[in-house]
Amino acid sequence: MHITLPRRALLGAALASPALAQSRSTVRIIVPYPPGGTVDATARFIGARAAELLQQNWVIESRSGANGAIGADAVVRSPPDGSTLLYSNEVLLMLRHVQRNVPFNAVTDLTPICRTAIVPQILVGSPRHVSETSLMPLLENIRRSPAQYTFATPTLGSLGQFGAAALGNALGVDLTIVPYRGTAPAIADLLAGAYKLIISPAGGVLPLIRDGQLRAFAVCSRERIAALPDIPTLVESGFPELWFESWTGMWGPRGLPAEIATRTHAAVTAATNEPDNIRRIMELGCVPINEPMARMPEVIAAEEARNPILVRMARMTPE
């Protein structure tokens, strides 16, 4: 998770060298979701430091809609010169499996640069609208009366949606799952009582769990997370297949020059793993990523193989 001192020194030297340093150009960083979620938050504080390292001005532009497709498509259509980059999550890899008329293929039309954070998913509800206080009674009541336990999900094709669908399948019930245009609006309606439950990225719900507005029932990672050490996982609660972890990362348009991609990877990875940003990421319940540039395409290939299986498990068809 941490960059060793020799590695940090090498990164600093590379970024500071005249051959790699850029002029104070302005780069648009498009975030395809509304402000307030984990993707937007990490884009801003990681991006601010990466821009300093690159001697650039990074402007974060929120362009939401179509479950992230509108913002991503803007990057796909931009010139591959490093002036426009995308900061998003793995949902982009799922979109064409669950949504009609997606105008791009995230695997072939974007250049992967780096991943930044693993984002655990948490099953939560509002104590005002869900009377159960622990996981097993909640699951038993969902099994008995599924119509009373509607789910929101941050976006179509999100791991929260697949997690809820897979949970319903494991319990032998059909759940009502309604996708939103981002974590923040989904949580707002959850608090208002429009829906009972959500499987959400940790960053979007941890502050509300801490102040008592939301109750955490389960973590959807393979192991418990440091931010919620007393909350069980679905895996340890008898559902060994129910683990889902999201991640955030950065892409460029197809054809982005290798020099720009490599330089951006070095800056963003260094920024992600600086002590202040490690602290911020962990406060969001997430885990910072420090991996070589070749790792992101490997992860994408593995998820591209797994995603059709998840779609079949959730019995979803493109909407």
C-alpha atoms as a PDB file:
ATOM      1  CA  MET A   1       0.000   0.000   0.000  1.00  0.00           C
ATOM      2  CA  HIS A   2       2.847   2.404   0.808  1.00  0.00           C
ATOM      3  CA  ILE A   3       5.559   3.487  -1.609  1.00  0.00           C
ATOM      4  CA  THR A   4       8.995   2.739  -0.201  1.00  0.00           C
ATOM      5  CA  LEU A   5      11.431   5.614   0.118  1.00  0.00           C
ATOM      6  CA  PRO A   6      13.621   4.502  -2.797  1.00  0.00           C
ATOM      7  CA  ARG A   7      10.565   4.153  -5.041  1.00  0.00           C
ATOM      8  CA  ARG A   8       9.216   7.542  -3.967  1.00  0.00           C
ATOM      9  CA  ALA A   9      12.585   9.077  -4.703  1.00  0.00           C
ATOM     10  CA  LEU A  10      12.609   7.577  -8.171  1.00  0.00           C
ATOM     11  CA  LEU A  11       9.103   8.837  -8.881  1.00  0.00           C
ATOM     12  CA  GLY A  12       9.957  12.300  -7.634  1.00  0.00           C
ATOM     13  CA  ALA A  13      13.071  12.451  -9.780  1.00  0.00           C
ATOM     14  CA  ALA A  14      11.172  11.298 -12.861  1.00  0.00           C
ATOM     15  CA  LEU A  15       8.398  13.825 -12.425  1.00  0.00           C
ATOM     16  CA  ALA A  16      10.792  16.654 -11.706  1.00  0.00           C
ATOM     17  CA  SER A  17      13.082  15.992 -14.662  1.00  0.00           C
ATOM     18  CA  PRO A  18      12.991  18.549 -17.506  1.00  0.00           C
ATOM     19  CA  ALA A  19      12.285  15.779 -20.012  1.00  0.00           C
ATOM     20  CA  LEU A  20       9.036  14.810 -18.282  1.00  0.00           C
ATOM     21  CA  ALA A  21       7.792  17.996 -16.656  1.00  0.00           C
ATOM     22  CA  GLN A  22       5.032  19.757 -18.594  1.00  0.00           C
ATOM     23  CA  SER A  23       4.189  23.437 -18.880  1.00  0.00           C
ATOM     24  CA  ARG A  24       1.251  24.850 -16.925  1.00  0.00           C
ATOM     25  CA  SER A  25      -1.322  23.509 -19.331  1.00  0.00           C
ATOM     26  CA  THR A  26      -4.936  23.040 -18.286  1.00  0.00           C
ATOM     27  CA  VAL A  27      -6.306  19.486 -18.255  1.00  0.00           C
ATOM     28  CA  ARG A  28      -9.992  18.656 -17.917  1.00  0.00           C
ATOM     29  CA  ILE A  29     -10.643  15.724 -15.586  1.00  0.00           C
ATOM     30  CA  ILE A  30     -14.174  14.535 -16.287  1.00  0.00           C
ATOM     31  CA  VAL A  31     -16.010  12.776 -13.469  1.00  0.00           C
ATOM     32  CA  PRO A  32     -19.166  11.167 -14.911  1.00  0.00           C
ATOM     33  CA  TYR A  33     -21.163  11.267 -11.661  1.00  0.00           C
ATOM     34  CA  PRO A  34     -22.650  14.011  -9.469  1.00  0.00           C
ATOM     35  CA  PRO A  35     -20.586  15.591  -6.678  1.00  0.00           C
ATOM     36  CA  GLY A  36     -20.767  13.997  -3.259  1.00  0.00           C
ATOM     37  CA  GLY A  37     -19.721  10.412  -3.963  1.00  0.00           C
ATOM     38  CA  THR A  38     -16.446   8.559  -3.561  1.00  0.00           C
ATOM     39  CA  VAL A  39     -15.443   8.984  -7.206  1.00  0.00           C
ATOM     40  CA  ASP A  40     -15.841  12.765  -7.079  1.00  0.00           C
ATOM     41  CA  ALA A  41     -14.161  13.107  -3.684  1.00  0.00           C
ATOM     42  CA  THR A  42     -11.061  11.080  -4.547  1.00  0.00           C
ATOM     43  CA  ALA A  43     -10.778  12.756  -7.951  1.00  0.00           C
ATOM     44  CA  ARG A  44     -10.509  16.144  -6.262  1.00  0.00           C
ATOM     45  CA  PHE A  45      -7.888  15.532  -3.596  1.00  0.00           C
ATOM     46  CA  ILE A  46      -5.787  13.066  -5.593  1.00  0.00           C
ATOM     47  CA  GLY A  47      -6.098  15.239  -8.687  1.00  0.00           C
ATOM     48  CA  ALA A  48      -5.004  18.376  -6.861  1.00  0.00           C
ATOM     49  CA  ARG A  49      -1.713  16.793  -5.827  1.00  0.00           C
ATOM     50  CA  ALA A  50      -1.120  15.022  -9.150  1.00  0.00           C
ATOM     51  CA  ALA A  51      -1.547  18.337 -10.958  1.00  0.00           C
ATOM     52  CA  GLU A  52       1.129  19.887  -8.728  1.00  0.00           C
ATOM     53  CA  LEU A  53       3.522  17.053  -9.508  1.00  0.00           C
ATOM     54  CA  LEU A  54       2.900  17.452 -13.231  1.00  0.00           C
ATOM     55  CA  GLN A  55       3.022  21.258 -13.079  1.00  0.00           C
ATOM     56  CA  GLN A  56      -0.403  21.426 -14.680  1.00  0.00           C
ATOM     57  CA  ASN A  57      -3.795  22.911 -13.849  1.00  0.00           C
ATOM     58  CA  TRP A  58      -6.410  20.167 -13.469  1.00  0.00           C
ATOM     59  CA  VAL A  59     -10.045  21.245 -13.654  1.00  0.00           C
ATOM     60  CA  ILE A  60     -12.524  18.699 -12.282  1.00  0.00           C
ATOM     61  CA  GLU A  61     -15.674  18.696 -14.404  1.00  0.00           C
ATOM     62  CA  SER A  62     -18.734  16.789 -13.183  1.00  0.00           C
ATOM     63  CA  ARG A  63     -20.678  15.570 -16.199  1.00  0.00           C
ATOM     64  CA  SER A  64     -23.260  13.063 -15.040  1.00  0.00           C
ATOM     65  CA  GLY A  65     -26.034  11.286 -16.882  1.00  0.00           C
ATOM     66  CA  ALA A  66     -26.839   7.917 -18.470  1.00  0.00           C
ATOM     67  CA  ASN A  67     -25.148   6.128 -15.561  1.00  0.00           C
ATOM     68  CA  GLY A  68     -21.763   7.605 -16.379  1.00  0.00           C
ATOM     69  CA  ALA A  69     -21.968   7.156 -20.159  1.00  0.00           C
ATOM     70  CA  ILE A  70     -22.315  10.863 -20.996  1.00  0.00           C
ATOM     71  CA  GLY A  71     -19.129  11.915 -19.243  1.00  0.00           C
ATOM     72  CA  ALA A  72     -17.166   8.912 -20.452  1.00  0.00           C
ATOM     73  CA  ASP A  73     -18.298   9.464 -24.039  1.00  0.00           C
ATOM     74  CA  ALA A  74     -17.029  13.042 -23.872  1.00  0.00           C
ATOM     75  CA  VAL A  75     -13.565  11.660 -23.113  1.00  0.00           C
ATOM     76  CA  VAL A  76     -13.832   8.989 -25.809  1.00  0.00           C
ATOM     77  CA  ARG A  77     -14.560  11.762 -28.346  1.00  0.00           C
ATOM     78  CA  SER A  78     -11.794  14.075 -27.145  1.00  0.00           C
ATOM     79  CA  PRO A  79      -8.408  14.369 -28.872  1.00  0.00           C
ATOM     80  CA  PRO A  80      -5.807  11.922 -27.483  1.00  0.00           C
ATOM     81  CA  ASP A  81      -3.404  14.664 -26.443  1.00  0.00           C
ATOM     82  CA  GLY A  82      -3.763  14.519 -22.653  1.00  0.00           C
ATOM     83  CA  SER A  83      -5.963  17.623 -22.451  1.00  0.00           C
ATOM     84  CA  THR A  84      -9.033  15.603 -21.370  1.00  0.00           C
ATOM     85  CA  LEU A  85      -8.941  12.606 -19.042  1.00  0.00           C
ATOM     86  CA  LEU A  86     -11.561  10.502 -17.275  1.00  0.00           C
ATOM     87  CA  TYR A  87     -11.726   9.716 -13.559  1.00  0.00           C
ATOM     88  CA  SER A  88     -14.374   7.092 -12.924  1.00  0.00           C
ATOM     89  CA  ASN A  89     -14.965   3.603 -11.569  1.00  0.00           C
ATOM     90  CA  GLU A  90     -15.335   0.055 -12.843  1.00  0.00           C
ATOM     91  CA  VAL A  91     -19.043   0.574 -13.635  1.00  0.00           C
ATOM     92  CA  LEU A  92     -17.998   1.758 -17.110  1.00  0.00           C
ATOM     93  CA  LEU A  93     -16.923  -1.800 -17.908  1.00  0.00           C
ATOM     94  CA  MET A  94     -20.416  -3.078 -17.146  1.00  0.00           C
ATOM     95  CA  LEU A  95     -22.510  -0.456 -18.925  1.00  0.00           C
ATOM     96  CA  ARG A  96     -22.789  -2.064 -22.338  1.00  0.00           C
ATOM     97  CA  HIS A  97     -24.017  -5.279 -20.680  1.00  0.00           C
ATOM     98  CA  VAL A  98     -26.912  -3.581 -18.875  1.00  0.00           C
ATOM     99  CA  GLN A  99     -27.743  -0.424 -20.824  1.00  0.00           C
ATOM    100  CA  ARG A 100     -28.904  -0.023 -24.403  1.00  0.00           C
ATOM    101  CA  ASN A 101     -27.195   2.257 -26.900  1.00  0.00           C
ATOM    102  CA  VAL A 102     -23.987   2.921 -24.978  1.00  0.00           C
ATOM    103  CA  PRO A 103     -21.984   4.797 -27.640  1.00  0.00           C
ATOM    104  CA  PHE A 104     -18.579   3.392 -26.702  1.00  0.00           C
ATOM    105  CA  ASN A 105     -16.784   0.299 -25.486  1.00  0.00           C
ATOM    106  CA  ALA A 106     -14.805   1.110 -22.343  1.00  0.00           C
ATOM    107  CA  VAL A 107     -12.336  -1.690 -23.083  1.00  0.00           C
ATOM    108  CA  THR A 108     -11.419  -0.644 -26.621  1.00  0.00           C
ATOM    109  CA  ASP A 109     -12.214   3.091 -26.708  1.00  0.00           C
ATOM    110  CA  LEU A 110     -10.335   4.220 -23.602  1.00  0.00           C
ATOM    111  CA  THR A 111      -6.689   4.004 -22.523  1.00  0.00           C
ATOM    112  CA  PRO A 112      -6.284   2.700 -18.954  1.00  0.00           C
ATOM    113  CA  ILE A 113      -3.825   4.774 -16.936  1.00  0.00           C
ATOM    114  CA  CYS A 114      -4.049   3.778 -13.281  1.00  0.00           C
ATOM    115  CA  ARG A 115      -6.334   2.640 -10.496  1.00  0.00           C
ATOM    116  CA  THR A 116      -6.399   4.679  -7.310  1.00  0.00           C
ATOM    117  CA  ALA A 117      -8.542   3.073  -4.585  1.00  0.00           C
ATOM    118  CA  ILE A 118     -10.392  -0.097  -3.713  1.00  0.00           C
ATOM    119  CA  VAL A 119     -13.906   0.878  -2.623  1.00  0.00           C
ATOM    120  CA  PRO A 120     -15.705  -1.571  -0.299  1.00  0.00           C
ATOM    121  CA  GLN A 121     -19.483  -1.877  -0.598  1.00  0.00           C
ATOM    122  CA  ILE A 122     -21.687  -1.693   2.496  1.00  0.00           C
ATOM    123  CA  LEU A 123     -25.307  -2.783   3.014  1.00  0.00           C
ATOM    124  CA  VAL A 124     -27.028   0.025   4.929  1.00  0.00           C
ATOM    125  CA  GLY A 125     -30.468   1.293   5.872  1.00  0.00           C
ATOM    126  CA  SER A 126     -31.928   4.198   7.810  1.00  0.00           C
ATOM    127  CA  PRO A 127     -32.866   3.436  11.446  1.00  0.00           C
ATOM    128  CA  ARG A 128     -35.914   5.639  10.876  1.00  0.00           C
ATOM    129  CA  HIS A 129     -37.254   3.313   8.196  1.00  0.00           C
ATOM    130  CA  VAL A 130     -35.706  -0.102   8.959  1.00  0.00           C
ATOM    131  CA  SER A 131     -36.433  -1.512  12.408  1.00  0.00           C
ATOM    132  CA  GLU A 132     -33.909  -4.384  12.388  1.00  0.00           C
ATOM    133  CA  THR A 133     -30.618  -3.714  14.139  1.00  0.00           C
ATOM    134  CA  SER A 134     -28.462  -6.571  12.828  1.00  0.00           C
ATOM    135  CA  LEU A 135     -27.942  -8.568   9.670  1.00  0.00           C
ATOM    136  CA  MET A 136     -29.527 -11.960  10.280  1.00  0.00           C
ATOM    137  CA  PRO A 137     -32.959 -10.681  11.406  1.00  0.00           C
ATOM    138  CA  LEU A 138     -32.929  -8.312   8.439  1.00  0.00           C
ATOM    139  CA  LEU A 139     -32.208 -11.130   5.976  1.00  0.00           C
ATOM    140  CA  GLU A 140     -34.891 -13.329   7.510  1.00  0.00           C
ATOM    141  CA  ASN A 141     -37.485 -10.579   7.166  1.00  0.00           C
ATOM    142  CA  ILE A 142     -36.403  -9.860   3.585  1.00  0.00           C
ATOM    143  CA  ARG A 143     -36.910 -13.549   2.833  1.00  0.00           C
ATOM    144  CA  ARG A 144     -40.408 -13.453   4.380  1.00  0.00           C
ATOM    145  CA  SER A 145     -41.582 -10.107   2.939  1.00  0.00           C
ATOM    146  CA  PRO A 146     -39.333  -9.027   0.055  1.00  0.00           C
ATOM    147  CA  ALA A 147     -41.781  -6.395  -1.241  1.00  0.00           C
ATOM    148  CA  GLN A 148     -41.288  -4.392   1.948  1.00  0.00           C
ATOM    149  CA  TYR A 149     -37.512  -4.085   1.449  1.00  0.00           C
ATOM    150  CA  THR A 150     -36.896  -2.041  -1.674  1.00  0.00           C
ATOM    151  CA  PHE A 151     -33.315  -1.238  -2.686  1.00  0.00           C
ATOM    152  CA  ALA A 152     -31.780   1.823  -4.261  1.00  0.00           C
ATOM    153  CA  THR A 153     -28.518   1.521  -6.183  1.00  0.00           C
ATOM    154  CA  PRO A 154     -26.092   4.344  -7.098  1.00  0.00           C
ATOM    155  CA  THR A 155     -26.123   3.653 -10.857  1.00  0.00           C
ATOM    156  CA  LEU A 156     -27.286   1.107 -13.380  1.00  0.00           C
ATOM    157  CA  GLY A 157     -24.619  -1.578 -13.635  1.00  0.00           C
ATOM    158  CA  SER A 158     -23.011  -0.737 -10.292  1.00  0.00           C
ATOM    159  CA  LEU A 159     -21.755  -3.417  -7.948  1.00  0.00           C
ATOM    160  CA  GLY A 160     -24.449  -2.243  -5.554  1.00  0.00           C
ATOM    161  CA  GLN A 161     -27.068  -3.313  -8.053  1.00  0.00           C
ATOM    162  CA  PHE A 162     -25.457  -6.681  -8.697  1.00  0.00           C
ATOM    163  CA  GLY A 163     -24.873  -7.200  -5.011  1.00  0.00           C
ATOM    164  CA  ALA A 164     -28.547  -6.582  -4.227  1.00  0.00           C
ATOM    165  CA  ALA A 165     -29.679  -8.843  -7.055  1.00  0.00           C
ATOM    166  CA  ALA A 166     -27.285 -11.591  -5.967  1.00  0.00           C
ATOM    167  CA  LEU A 167     -28.472 -11.246  -2.366  1.00  0.00           C
ATOM    168  CA  GLY A 168     -32.048 -11.645  -3.530  1.00  0.00           C
ATOM    169  CA  ASN A 169     -31.097 -14.750  -5.480  1.00  0.00           C
ATOM    170  CA  ALA A 170     -29.317 -16.196  -2.438  1.00  0.00           C
ATOM    171  CA  LEU A 171     -32.432 -15.594  -0.338  1.00  0.00           C
ATOM    172  CA  GLY A 172     -34.713 -17.000  -3.041  1.00  0.00           C
ATOM    173  CA  VAL A 173     -36.671 -13.775  -3.581  1.00  0.00           C
ATOM    174  CA  ASP A 174     -37.048 -11.078  -6.236  1.00  0.00           C
ATOM    175  CA  LEU A 175     -36.051  -7.658  -4.954  1.00  0.00           C
ATOM    176  CA  THR A 176     -37.100  -4.267  -6.281  1.00  0.00           C
ATOM    177  CA  ILE A 177     -33.869  -2.415  -7.148  1.00  0.00           C
ATOM    178  CA  VAL A 178     -34.017   1.149  -8.501  1.00  0.00           C
ATOM    179  CA  PRO A 179     -30.887   2.717 -10.069  1.00  0.00           C
ATOM    180  CA  TYR A 180     -30.028   6.376  -9.506  1.00  0.00           C
ATOM    181  CA  ARG A 181     -27.664   8.825 -11.196  1.00  0.00           C
ATOM    182  CA  GLY A 182     -25.118   8.700  -8.391  1.00  0.00           C
ATOM    183  CA  THR A 183     -24.546   7.780  -4.771  1.00  0.00           C
ATOM    184  CA  ALA A 184     -25.526  11.153  -3.284  1.00  0.00           C
ATOM    185  CA  PRO A 185     -29.079  11.320  -4.719  1.00  0.00           C
ATOM    186  CA  ALA A 186     -29.668   7.661  -3.891  1.00  0.00           C
ATOM    187  CA  ILE A 187     -28.652   8.220  -0.266  1.00  0.00           C
ATOM    188  CA  ALA A 188     -30.808  11.349  -0.038  1.00  0.00           C
ATOM    189  CA  ASP A 189     -33.893   9.378  -1.037  1.00  0.00           C
ATOM    190  CA  LEU A 190     -32.929   6.521   1.268  1.00  0.00           C
ATOM    191  CA  LEU A 191     -32.804   8.928   4.214  1.00  0.00           C
ATOM    192  CA  ALA A 192     -36.178  10.320   3.160  1.00  0.00           C
ATOM    193  CA  GLY A 193     -37.698   6.831   3.226  1.00  0.00           C
ATOM    194  CA  ALA A 194     -38.295   6.372  -0.497  1.00  0.00           C
ATOM    195  CA  TYR A 195     -36.374   3.074  -0.290  1.00  0.00           C
ATOM    196  CA  LYS A 196     -35.343   0.862   2.584  1.00  0.00           C
ATOM    197  CA  LEU A 197     -31.815  -0.331   1.763  1.00  0.00           C
ATOM    198  CA  ILE A 198     -28.803   0.233  -0.426  1.00  0.00           C
ATOM    199  CA  ILE A 199     -25.481  -1.464  -1.086  1.00  0.00           C
ATOM    200  CA  SER A 200     -23.310   1.622  -1.394  1.00  0.00           C
ATOM    201  CA  PRO A 201     -19.651   2.517  -1.789  1.00  0.00           C
ATOM    202  CA  ALA A 202     -18.179   3.042   1.662  1.00  0.00           C
ATOM    203  CA  GLY A 203     -17.258   6.683   1.146  1.00  0.00           C
ATOM    204  CA  GLY A 204     -20.833   7.697   0.442  1.00  0.00           C
ATOM    205  CA  VAL A 205     -22.213   6.290   3.698  1.00  0.00           C
ATOM    206  CA  LEU A 206     -19.487   6.142   6.367  1.00  0.00           C
ATOM    207  CA  PRO A 207     -20.052   9.686   7.706  1.00  0.00           C
ATOM    208  CA  LEU A 208     -23.777   8.965   7.980  1.00  0.00           C
ATOM    209  CA  ILE A 209     -23.096   5.657   9.741  1.00  0.00           C
ATOM    210  CA  ARG A 210     -20.801   7.407  12.199  1.00  0.00           C
ATOM    211  CA  ASP A 211     -23.394  10.042  13.128  1.00  0.00           C
ATOM    212  CA  GLY A 212     -26.244   7.536  13.373  1.00  0.00           C
ATOM    213  CA  GLN A 213     -28.262   8.521  10.318  1.00  0.00           C
ATOM    214  CA  LEU A 214     -27.580   5.163   8.676  1.00  0.00           C
ATOM    215  CA  ARG A 215     -27.080   1.681  10.122  1.00  0.00           C
ATOM    216  CA  ALA A 216     -24.519  -0.678   8.598  1.00  0.00           C
ATOM    217  CA  PHE A 217     -25.708  -4.284   8.352  1.00  0.00           C
ATOM    218  CA  ALA A 218     -22.940  -5.954   6.345  1.00  0.00           C
ATOM    219  CA  VAL A 219     -19.750  -5.363   4.410  1.00  0.00           C
ATOM    220  CA  CYS A 220     -19.623  -6.873   0.920  1.00  0.00           C
ATOM    221  CA  SER A 221     -15.853  -7.446   0.862  1.00  0.00           C
ATOM    222  CA  ARG A 222     -14.174 -10.773   1.466  1.00  0.00           C
ATOM    223  CA  GLU A 223     -12.929  -9.532   4.844  1.00  0.00           C
ATOM    224  CA  ARG A 224     -14.070  -6.952   7.376  1.00  0.00           C
ATOM    225  CA  ILE A 225     -12.825  -3.420   6.865  1.00  0.00           C
ATOM    226  CA  ALA A 226     -10.864  -1.286   9.321  1.00  0.00           C
ATOM    227  CA  ALA A 227     -13.438   1.517   9.215  1.00  0.00           C
ATOM    228  CA  LEU A 228     -16.189  -0.832  10.494  1.00  0.00           C
ATOM    229  CA  PRO A 229     -14.435  -3.595  12.428  1.00  0.00           C
ATOM    230  CA  ASP A 230     -17.619  -4.747  14.194  1.00  0.00           C
ATOM    231  CA  ILE A 231     -19.717  -5.119  11.041  1.00  0.00           C
ATOM    232  CA  PRO A 232     -19.756  -8.658   9.576  1.00  0.00           C
ATOM    233  CA  THR A 233     -19.221  -9.538   5.950  1.00  0.00           C
ATOM    234  CA  LEU A 234     -21.820 -11.378   3.911  1.00  0.00           C
ATOM    235  CA  VAL A 235     -19.128 -14.005   3.297  1.00  0.00           C
ATOM    236  CA  GLU A 236     -18.742 -14.830   6.990  1.00  0.00           C
ATOM    237  CA  SER A 237     -22.527 -14.724   7.413  1.00  0.00           C
ATOM    238  CA  GLY A 238     -23.065 -17.748   5.201  1.00  0.00           C
ATOM    239  CA  PHE A 239     -22.853 -16.297   1.691  1.00  0.00           C
ATOM    240  CA  PRO A 240     -19.346 -17.137   0.437  1.00  0.00           C
ATOM    241  CA  GLU A 241     -20.026 -15.967  -3.124  1.00  0.00           C
ATOM    242  CA  LEU A 242     -21.382 -12.557  -2.120  1.00  0.00           C
ATOM    243  CA  TRP A 243     -18.326 -10.331  -2.218  1.00  0.00           C
ATOM    244  CA  PHE A 244     -18.079  -7.251  -4.421  1.00  0.00           C
ATOM    245  CA  GLU A 245     -15.392  -4.571  -4.405  1.00  0.00           C
ATOM    246  CA  SER A 246     -15.447  -1.461  -6.521  1.00  0.00           C
ATOM    247  CA  TRP A 247     -12.477   0.660  -7.534  1.00  0.00           C
ATOM    248  CA  THR A 248     -11.707   4.105  -8.888  1.00  0.00           C
ATOM    249  CA  GLY A 249      -9.218   4.985 -11.576  1.00  0.00           C
ATOM    250  CA  MET A 250      -8.176   7.111 -14.508  1.00  0.00           C
ATOM    251  CA  TRP A 251      -8.436   6.654 -18.270  1.00  0.00           C
ATOM    252  CA  GLY A 252      -7.584   8.653 -21.363  1.00  0.00           C
ATOM    253  CA  PRO A 253      -8.993   8.490 -24.878  1.00  0.00           C
ATOM    254  CA  ARG A 254      -7.933   5.686 -27.186  1.00  0.00           C
ATOM    255  CA  GLY A 255      -4.585   6.516 -28.760  1.00  0.00           C
ATOM    256  CA  LEU A 256      -3.262   8.487 -25.797  1.00  0.00           C
ATOM    257  CA  PRO A 257       0.521   8.596 -26.265  1.00  0.00           C
ATOM    258  CA  ALA A 258       2.420   6.223 -24.015  1.00  0.00           C
ATOM    259  CA  GLU A 259       4.603   9.051 -22.686  1.00  0.00           C
ATOM    260  CA  ILE A 260       1.553  10.968 -21.414  1.00  0.00           C
ATOM    261  CA  ALA A 261      -0.062   7.857 -19.965  1.00  0.00           C
ATOM    262  CA  THR A 262       3.160   6.840 -18.201  1.00  0.00           C
ATOM    263  CA  ARG A 263       3.780  10.296 -16.783  1.00  0.00           C
ATOM    264  CA  THR A 264       0.176  10.612 -15.579  1.00  0.00           C
ATOM    265  CA  HIS A 265       0.302   7.146 -14.004  1.00  0.00           C
ATOM    266  CA  ALA A 266       3.450   8.077 -12.071  1.00  0.00           C
ATOM    267  CA  ALA A 267       1.969  11.352 -10.792  1.00  0.00           C
ATOM    268  CA  VAL A 268      -1.446   9.977  -9.850  1.00  0.00           C
ATOM    269  CA  THR A 269       0.023   6.905  -8.138  1.00  0.00           C
ATOM    270  CA  ALA A 270       2.500   9.053  -6.214  1.00  0.00           C
ATOM    271  CA  ALA A 271      -0.283  11.469  -5.195  1.00  0.00           C
ATOM    272  CA  THR A 272      -2.558   8.614  -4.127  1.00  0.00           C
ATOM    273  CA  ASN A 273       0.097   7.156  -1.846  1.00  0.00           C
ATOM    274  CA  GLU A 274       1.260  10.318  -0.106  1.00  0.00           C
ATOM    275  CA  PRO A 275       0.507  10.151   3.638  1.00  0.00           C
ATOM    276  CA  ASP A 276      -2.194  12.842   3.648  1.00  0.00           C
ATOM    277  CA  ASN A 277      -4.062  11.213   0.794  1.00  0.00           C
ATOM    278  CA  ILE A 278      -3.678   7.729   2.240  1.00  0.00           C
ATOM    279  CA  ARG A 279      -5.356   9.098   5.366  1.00  0.00           C
ATOM    280  CA  ARG A 280      -8.171  10.702   3.350  1.00  0.00           C
ATOM    281  CA  ILE A 281      -8.754   7.548   1.329  1.00  0.00           C
ATOM    282  CA  MET A 282      -8.883   5.394   4.446  1.00  0.00           C
ATOM    283  CA  GLU A 283     -11.279   7.846   6.110  1.00  0.00           C
ATOM    284  CA  LEU A 284     -13.609   7.076   3.200  1.00  0.00           C
ATOM    285  CA  GLY A 285     -13.343   3.400   4.124  1.00  0.00           C
ATOM    286  CA  CYS A 286     -11.258   2.707   1.028  1.00  0.00           C
ATOM    287  CA  VAL A 287      -7.790   1.299   0.404  1.00  0.00           C
ATOM    288  CA  PRO A 288      -5.209   3.166  -1.702  1.00  0.00           C
ATOM    289  CA  ILE A 289      -3.760   1.318  -4.670  1.00  0.00           C
ATOM    290  CA  ASN A 290      -0.082   1.313  -5.616  1.00  0.00           C
ATOM    291  CA  GLU A 291       0.483  -0.888  -8.644  1.00  0.00           C
ATOM    292  CA  PRO A 292       2.404  -0.810 -11.933  1.00  0.00           C
ATOM    293  CA  MET A 293       0.731   0.538 -15.024  1.00  0.00           C
ATOM    294  CA  ALA A 294       0.360  -2.932 -16.548  1.00  0.00           C
ATOM    295  CA  ARG A 295      -1.903  -4.052 -13.715  1.00  0.00           C
ATOM    296  CA  MET A 296      -4.969  -2.003 -14.687  1.00  0.00           C
ATOM    297  CA  PRO A 297      -5.388  -3.703 -18.107  1.00  0.00           C
ATOM    298  CA  GLU A 298      -5.073  -7.076 -16.354  1.00  0.00           C
ATOM    299  CA  VAL A 299      -7.847  -6.166 -13.908  1.00  0.00           C
ATOM    300  CA  ILE A 300     -10.025  -4.882 -16.739  1.00  0.00           C
ATOM    301  CA  ALA A 301      -9.545  -8.125 -18.693  1.00  0.00           C
ATOM    302  CA  ALA A 302     -10.517 -10.203 -15.655  1.00  0.00           C
ATOM    303  CA  GLU A 303     -13.627  -8.110 -15.024  1.00  0.00           C
ATOM    304  CA  GLU A 304     -14.571  -8.178 -18.682  1.00  0.00           C
ATOM    305  CA  ALA A 305     -14.647 -11.976 -18.406  1.00  0.00           C
ATOM    306  CA  ARG A 306     -16.601 -11.926 -15.127  1.00  0.00           C
ATOM    307  CA  ASN A 307     -19.197  -9.264 -15.987  1.00  0.00           C
ATOM    308  CA  PRO A 308     -21.402 -11.401 -18.287  1.00  0.00           C
ATOM    309  CA  ILE A 309     -21.517 -14.004 -15.510  1.00  0.00           C
ATOM    310  CA  LEU A 310     -22.701 -11.362 -13.022  1.00  0.00           C
ATOM    311  CA  VAL A 311     -25.346 -10.212 -15.484  1.00  0.00           C
ATOM    312  CA  ARG A 312     -26.660 -13.749 -15.839  1.00  0.00           C
ATOM    313  CA  MET A 313     -26.605 -14.260 -12.056  1.00  0.00           C
ATOM    314  CA  ALA A 314     -28.649 -11.081 -11.613  1.00  0.00           C
ATOM    315  CA  ARG A 315     -30.980 -12.079 -14.478  1.00  0.00           C
ATOM    316  CA  MET A 316     -30.613  -8.641 -16.019  1.00  0.00           C
ATOM    317  CA  THR A 317     -31.252  -7.522 -19.580  1.00  0.00           C
ATOM    318  CA  PRO A 318     -30.163  -4.210 -21.117  1.00  0.00           C
ATOM    319  CA  GLU A 319     -32.528  -1.343 -20.312  1.00  0.00           C
END
